[in-house]
Amino acid sequence: MSRPRSTGLPFDGEAVGITFDTNFIIDLLRSDRLAVAKAKEIETRGDTRFLTAPVLYEITAGLLFARSRSEAAAFRAFASRLTVLPFDESASVKAAEIRAELMRLGRPKGHLDTMIAGIVIQGGHTLVTRDRDLTEISQAVGLTVEGY
């Protein structure tokens, strides 16, 4: 059974879906053994799956730069099966709060990672990643991450 889709509103309780980070999608496109196994596990669990607008941007820009038609086609097919979460007003405010806290801690991170974290936290999702910066963000501000 699939979980309800996020409305983008603040949540209270259990995570409502899985959001994929850039490195996870790239690893899937390259048939990384661990990423493929994690994707199968998520599919079996029936979690609702999401992609954030900043991840869509990062991957699309990289594929356009590399001119990789086969990876671009594979990504478009994959992304078409996911709901894209916007960087809207509530996610912007959450990302700003995260950035401010990281700066207070003396551990600022890149804007895109902070934006991704804001979207994921605001939607009440879990982020699938093995990105070190996002793991550090999770330890500082409570972003829920799932490694592979």
C-alpha atoms as a PDB file:
ATOM      1  CA  MET A   1       0.000   0.000   0.000  1.00  0.00           C
ATOM      2  CA  SER A   2       1.348   3.389  -0.945  1.00  0.00           C
ATOM      3  CA  ARG A   3       1.558   6.197   1.574  1.00  0.00           C
ATOM      4  CA  PRO A   4      -0.235   9.502   0.979  1.00  0.00           C
ATOM      5  CA  ARG A   5       1.477  12.096  -1.168  1.00  0.00           C
ATOM      6  CA  SER A   6       2.972  15.096   0.585  1.00  0.00           C
ATOM      7  CA  THR A   7       1.105  18.346   0.467  1.00  0.00           C
ATOM      8  CA  GLY A   8       4.248  20.314   1.206  1.00  0.00           C
ATOM      9  CA  LEU A   9       2.730  21.388   4.528  1.00  0.00           C
ATOM     10  CA  PRO A  10       4.518  20.831   7.819  1.00  0.00           C
ATOM     11  CA  PHE A  11       3.949  17.314   9.055  1.00  0.00           C
ATOM     12  CA  ASP A  12       3.464  15.760  12.425  1.00  0.00           C
ATOM     13  CA  GLY A  13       4.503  12.143  12.837  1.00  0.00           C
ATOM     14  CA  GLU A  14       5.876   9.425  10.629  1.00  0.00           C
ATOM     15  CA  ALA A  15       7.698  10.236   7.388  1.00  0.00           C
ATOM     16  CA  VAL A  16       5.287  10.254   4.452  1.00  0.00           C
ATOM     17  CA  GLY A  17       7.625   9.376   1.627  1.00  0.00           C
ATOM     18  CA  ILE A  18      11.086   8.833   0.260  1.00  0.00           C
ATOM     19  CA  THR A  19      12.903  11.590  -1.602  1.00  0.00           C
ATOM     20  CA  PHE A  20      15.871  10.743  -3.802  1.00  0.00           C
ATOM     21  CA  ASP A  21      19.063  12.799  -3.701  1.00  0.00           C
ATOM     22  CA  THR A  22      21.226  13.532  -6.721  1.00  0.00           C
ATOM     23  CA  ASN A  23      23.925  10.991  -5.929  1.00  0.00           C
ATOM     24  CA  PHE A  24      21.382   8.192  -5.503  1.00  0.00           C
ATOM     25  CA  ILE A  25      19.834   8.867  -8.915  1.00  0.00           C
ATOM     26  CA  ILE A  26      23.232   9.102 -10.594  1.00  0.00           C
ATOM     27  CA  ASP A  27      24.247   5.827  -8.960  1.00  0.00           C
ATOM     28  CA  LEU A  28      21.006   4.232 -10.196  1.00  0.00           C
ATOM     29  CA  LEU A  29      21.619   5.487 -13.730  1.00  0.00           C
ATOM     30  CA  ARG A  30      25.077   3.917 -13.562  1.00  0.00           C
ATOM     31  CA  SER A  31      23.673   0.643 -12.170  1.00  0.00           C
ATOM     32  CA  ASP A  32      25.562   0.908  -8.879  1.00  0.00           C
ATOM     33  CA  ARG A  33      24.906  -2.355  -7.053  1.00  0.00           C
ATOM     34  CA  LEU A  34      24.041  -0.736  -3.709  1.00  0.00           C
ATOM     35  CA  ALA A  35      21.767   1.884  -5.275  1.00  0.00           C
ATOM     36  CA  VAL A  36      19.904  -0.747  -7.292  1.00  0.00           C
ATOM     37  CA  ALA A  37      19.424  -2.850  -4.146  1.00  0.00           C
ATOM     38  CA  LYS A  38      18.118   0.192  -2.232  1.00  0.00           C
ATOM     39  CA  ALA A  39      15.712   1.050  -5.075  1.00  0.00           C
ATOM     40  CA  LYS A  40      14.332  -2.503  -4.994  1.00  0.00           C
ATOM     41  CA  GLU A  41      13.935  -2.321  -1.204  1.00  0.00           C
ATOM     42  CA  ILE A  42      12.038   0.988  -1.479  1.00  0.00           C
ATOM     43  CA  GLU A  43       9.826  -0.438  -4.239  1.00  0.00           C
ATOM     44  CA  THR A  44       9.034  -3.483  -2.094  1.00  0.00           C
ATOM     45  CA  ARG A  45       8.108  -1.283   0.881  1.00  0.00           C
ATOM     46  CA  GLY A  46       5.683   0.660  -1.271  1.00  0.00           C
ATOM     47  CA  ASP A  47       6.946   4.072  -0.163  1.00  0.00           C
ATOM     48  CA  THR A  48       5.741   7.066  -2.137  1.00  0.00           C
ATOM     49  CA  ARG A  49       8.773   8.392  -4.042  1.00  0.00           C
ATOM     50  CA  PHE A  50       9.731  11.997  -4.677  1.00  0.00           C
ATOM     51  CA  LEU A  51      12.327  14.148  -6.380  1.00  0.00           C
ATOM     52  CA  THR A  52      13.094  17.755  -5.423  1.00  0.00           C
ATOM     53  CA  ALA A  53      13.307  20.602  -7.922  1.00  0.00           C
ATOM     54  CA  PRO A  54      16.981  21.275  -7.001  1.00  0.00           C
ATOM     55  CA  VAL A  55      17.859  17.612  -7.691  1.00  0.00           C
ATOM     56  CA  LEU A  56      16.029  17.804 -11.020  1.00  0.00           C
ATOM     57  CA  TYR A  57      18.084  20.922 -11.787  1.00  0.00           C
ATOM     58  CA  GLU A  58      21.427  19.363 -10.758  1.00  0.00           C
ATOM     59  CA  ILE A  59      20.969  16.206 -12.790  1.00  0.00           C
ATOM     60  CA  THR A  60      19.523  17.932 -15.852  1.00  0.00           C
ATOM     61  CA  ALA A  61      22.360  20.490 -15.916  1.00  0.00           C
ATOM     62  CA  GLY A  62      24.953  17.729 -15.627  1.00  0.00           C
ATOM     63  CA  LEU A  63      23.404  15.661 -18.391  1.00  0.00           C
ATOM     64  CA  LEU A  64      23.052  18.681 -20.674  1.00  0.00           C
ATOM     65  CA  PHE A  65      26.702  19.556 -20.089  1.00  0.00           C
ATOM     66  CA  ALA A  66      27.852  15.970 -20.697  1.00  0.00           C
ATOM     67  CA  ARG A  67      25.548  15.601 -23.714  1.00  0.00           C
ATOM     68  CA  SER A  68      24.778  12.077 -22.601  1.00  0.00           C
ATOM     69  CA  ARG A  69      21.664  11.170 -24.550  1.00  0.00           C
ATOM     70  CA  SER A  70      21.299   7.670 -23.121  1.00  0.00           C
ATOM     71  CA  GLU A  71      21.571   8.840 -19.503  1.00  0.00           C
ATOM     72  CA  ALA A  72      19.268  11.805 -20.247  1.00  0.00           C
ATOM     73  CA  ALA A  73      16.631   9.453 -21.678  1.00  0.00           C
ATOM     74  CA  ALA A  74      16.982   7.089 -18.705  1.00  0.00           C
ATOM     75  CA  PHE A  75      16.672  10.001 -16.286  1.00  0.00           C
ATOM     76  CA  ARG A  76      13.586  11.422 -18.008  1.00  0.00           C
ATOM     77  CA  ALA A  77      11.929   7.994 -17.865  1.00  0.00           C
ATOM     78  CA  PHE A  78      12.822   7.612 -14.180  1.00  0.00           C
ATOM     79  CA  ALA A  79      11.796  11.168 -13.211  1.00  0.00           C
ATOM     80  CA  SER A  80       8.432  10.842 -14.974  1.00  0.00           C
ATOM     81  CA  ARG A  81       7.423   8.244 -12.360  1.00  0.00           C
ATOM     82  CA  LEU A  82       8.125  10.585  -9.424  1.00  0.00           C
ATOM     83  CA  THR A  83       6.414  13.628  -7.969  1.00  0.00           C
ATOM     84  CA  VAL A  84       8.677  16.680  -8.121  1.00  0.00           C
ATOM     85  CA  LEU A  85       8.603  18.715  -4.916  1.00  0.00           C
ATOM     86  CA  PRO A  86       8.991  22.474  -5.474  1.00  0.00           C
ATOM     87  CA  PHE A  87      11.226  24.914  -3.654  1.00  0.00           C
ATOM     88  CA  ASP A  88       8.229  26.946  -2.550  1.00  0.00           C
ATOM     89  CA  GLU A  89       7.755  29.529   0.183  1.00  0.00           C
ATOM     90  CA  SER A  90       7.539  27.084   3.095  1.00  0.00           C
ATOM     91  CA  ALA A  91      10.568  25.108   1.860  1.00  0.00           C
ATOM     92  CA  SER A  92      12.460  28.390   1.382  1.00  0.00           C
ATOM     93  CA  VAL A  93      11.834  29.420   4.976  1.00  0.00           C
ATOM     94  CA  LYS A  94      12.823  25.959   6.254  1.00  0.00           C
ATOM     95  CA  ALA A  95      16.025  26.027   4.162  1.00  0.00           C
ATOM     96  CA  ALA A  96      16.862  29.493   5.517  1.00  0.00           C
ATOM     97  CA  GLU A  97      16.390  28.207   9.081  1.00  0.00           C
ATOM     98  CA  ILE A  98      18.681  25.250   8.316  1.00  0.00           C
ATOM     99  CA  ARG A  99      21.331  27.493   6.738  1.00  0.00           C
ATOM    100  CA  ALA A 100      21.247  29.899   9.688  1.00  0.00           C
ATOM    101  CA  GLU A 101      21.636  27.036  12.176  1.00  0.00           C
ATOM    102  CA  LEU A 102      24.531  25.519  10.217  1.00  0.00           C
ATOM    103  CA  MET A 103      26.241  28.912  10.070  1.00  0.00           C
ATOM    104  CA  ARG A 104      25.780  29.339  13.850  1.00  0.00           C
ATOM    105  CA  LEU A 105      27.406  25.932  14.292  1.00  0.00           C
ATOM    106  CA  GLY A 106      30.274  26.947  12.009  1.00  0.00           C
ATOM    107  CA  ARG A 107      29.346  24.210   9.513  1.00  0.00           C
ATOM    108  CA  PRO A 108      27.739  25.942   6.520  1.00  0.00           C
ATOM    109  CA  LYS A 109      26.874  23.759   3.534  1.00  0.00           C
ATOM    110  CA  GLY A 110      26.117  24.502  -0.101  1.00  0.00           C
ATOM    111  CA  HIS A 111      22.914  26.226  -1.070  1.00  0.00           C
ATOM    112  CA  LEU A 112      21.547  23.324  -3.141  1.00  0.00           C
ATOM    113  CA  ASP A 113      22.044  20.817  -0.309  1.00  0.00           C
ATOM    114  CA  THR A 114      20.394  23.251   2.103  1.00  0.00           C
ATOM    115  CA  MET A 115      17.478  23.728  -0.310  1.00  0.00           C
ATOM    116  CA  ILE A 116      17.072  19.958  -0.708  1.00  0.00           C
ATOM    117  CA  ALA A 117      17.094  19.522   3.080  1.00  0.00           C
ATOM    118  CA  GLY A 118      14.479  22.268   3.482  1.00  0.00           C
ATOM    119  CA  ILE A 119      12.146  20.655   0.966  1.00  0.00           C
ATOM    120  CA  VAL A 120      12.543  17.181   2.481  1.00  0.00           C
ATOM    121  CA  ILE A 121      12.071  18.310   6.087  1.00  0.00           C
ATOM    122  CA  GLN A 122       9.114  20.548   5.199  1.00  0.00           C
ATOM    123  CA  GLY A 123       7.394  17.647   3.443  1.00  0.00           C
ATOM    124  CA  GLY A 124       8.103  15.179   6.237  1.00  0.00           C
ATOM    125  CA  HIS A 125      10.104  12.856   4.013  1.00  0.00           C
ATOM    126  CA  THR A 126      13.187  10.692   4.321  1.00  0.00           C
ATOM    127  CA  LEU A 127      16.105  11.492   1.998  1.00  0.00           C
ATOM    128  CA  VAL A 128      17.965   8.619   0.321  1.00  0.00           C
ATOM    129  CA  THR A 129      21.580   9.713  -0.014  1.00  0.00           C
ATOM    130  CA  ARG A 130      25.181   8.941   0.697  1.00  0.00           C
ATOM    131  CA  ASP A 131      26.223  12.558   0.369  1.00  0.00           C
ATOM    132  CA  ARG A 132      28.461  13.507   3.281  1.00  0.00           C
ATOM    133  CA  ASP A 133      27.227  17.116   3.475  1.00  0.00           C
ATOM    134  CA  LEU A 134      23.591  16.036   3.665  1.00  0.00           C
ATOM    135  CA  THR A 135      24.491  13.467   6.328  1.00  0.00           C
ATOM    136  CA  GLU A 136      26.137  16.264   8.320  1.00  0.00           C
ATOM    137  CA  ILE A 137      23.046  18.438   7.827  1.00  0.00           C
ATOM    138  CA  SER A 138      20.930  15.572   9.151  1.00  0.00           C
ATOM    139  CA  GLN A 139      23.015  15.392  12.330  1.00  0.00           C
ATOM    140  CA  ALA A 140      22.669  19.145  12.889  1.00  0.00           C
ATOM    141  CA  VAL A 141      19.003  19.786  12.140  1.00  0.00           C
ATOM    142  CA  GLY A 142      17.102  16.521  12.199  1.00  0.00           C
ATOM    143  CA  LEU A 143      16.863  15.730   8.498  1.00  0.00           C
ATOM    144  CA  THR A 144      15.989  12.034   8.231  1.00  0.00           C
ATOM    145  CA  VAL A 145      18.349  10.224   5.864  1.00  0.00           C
ATOM    146  CA  GLU A 146      18.535   6.668   4.666  1.00  0.00           C
ATOM    147  CA  GLY A 147      21.866   5.482   3.319  1.00  0.00           C
ATOM    148  CA  TYR A 148      22.671   2.695   0.903  1.00  0.00           C
END
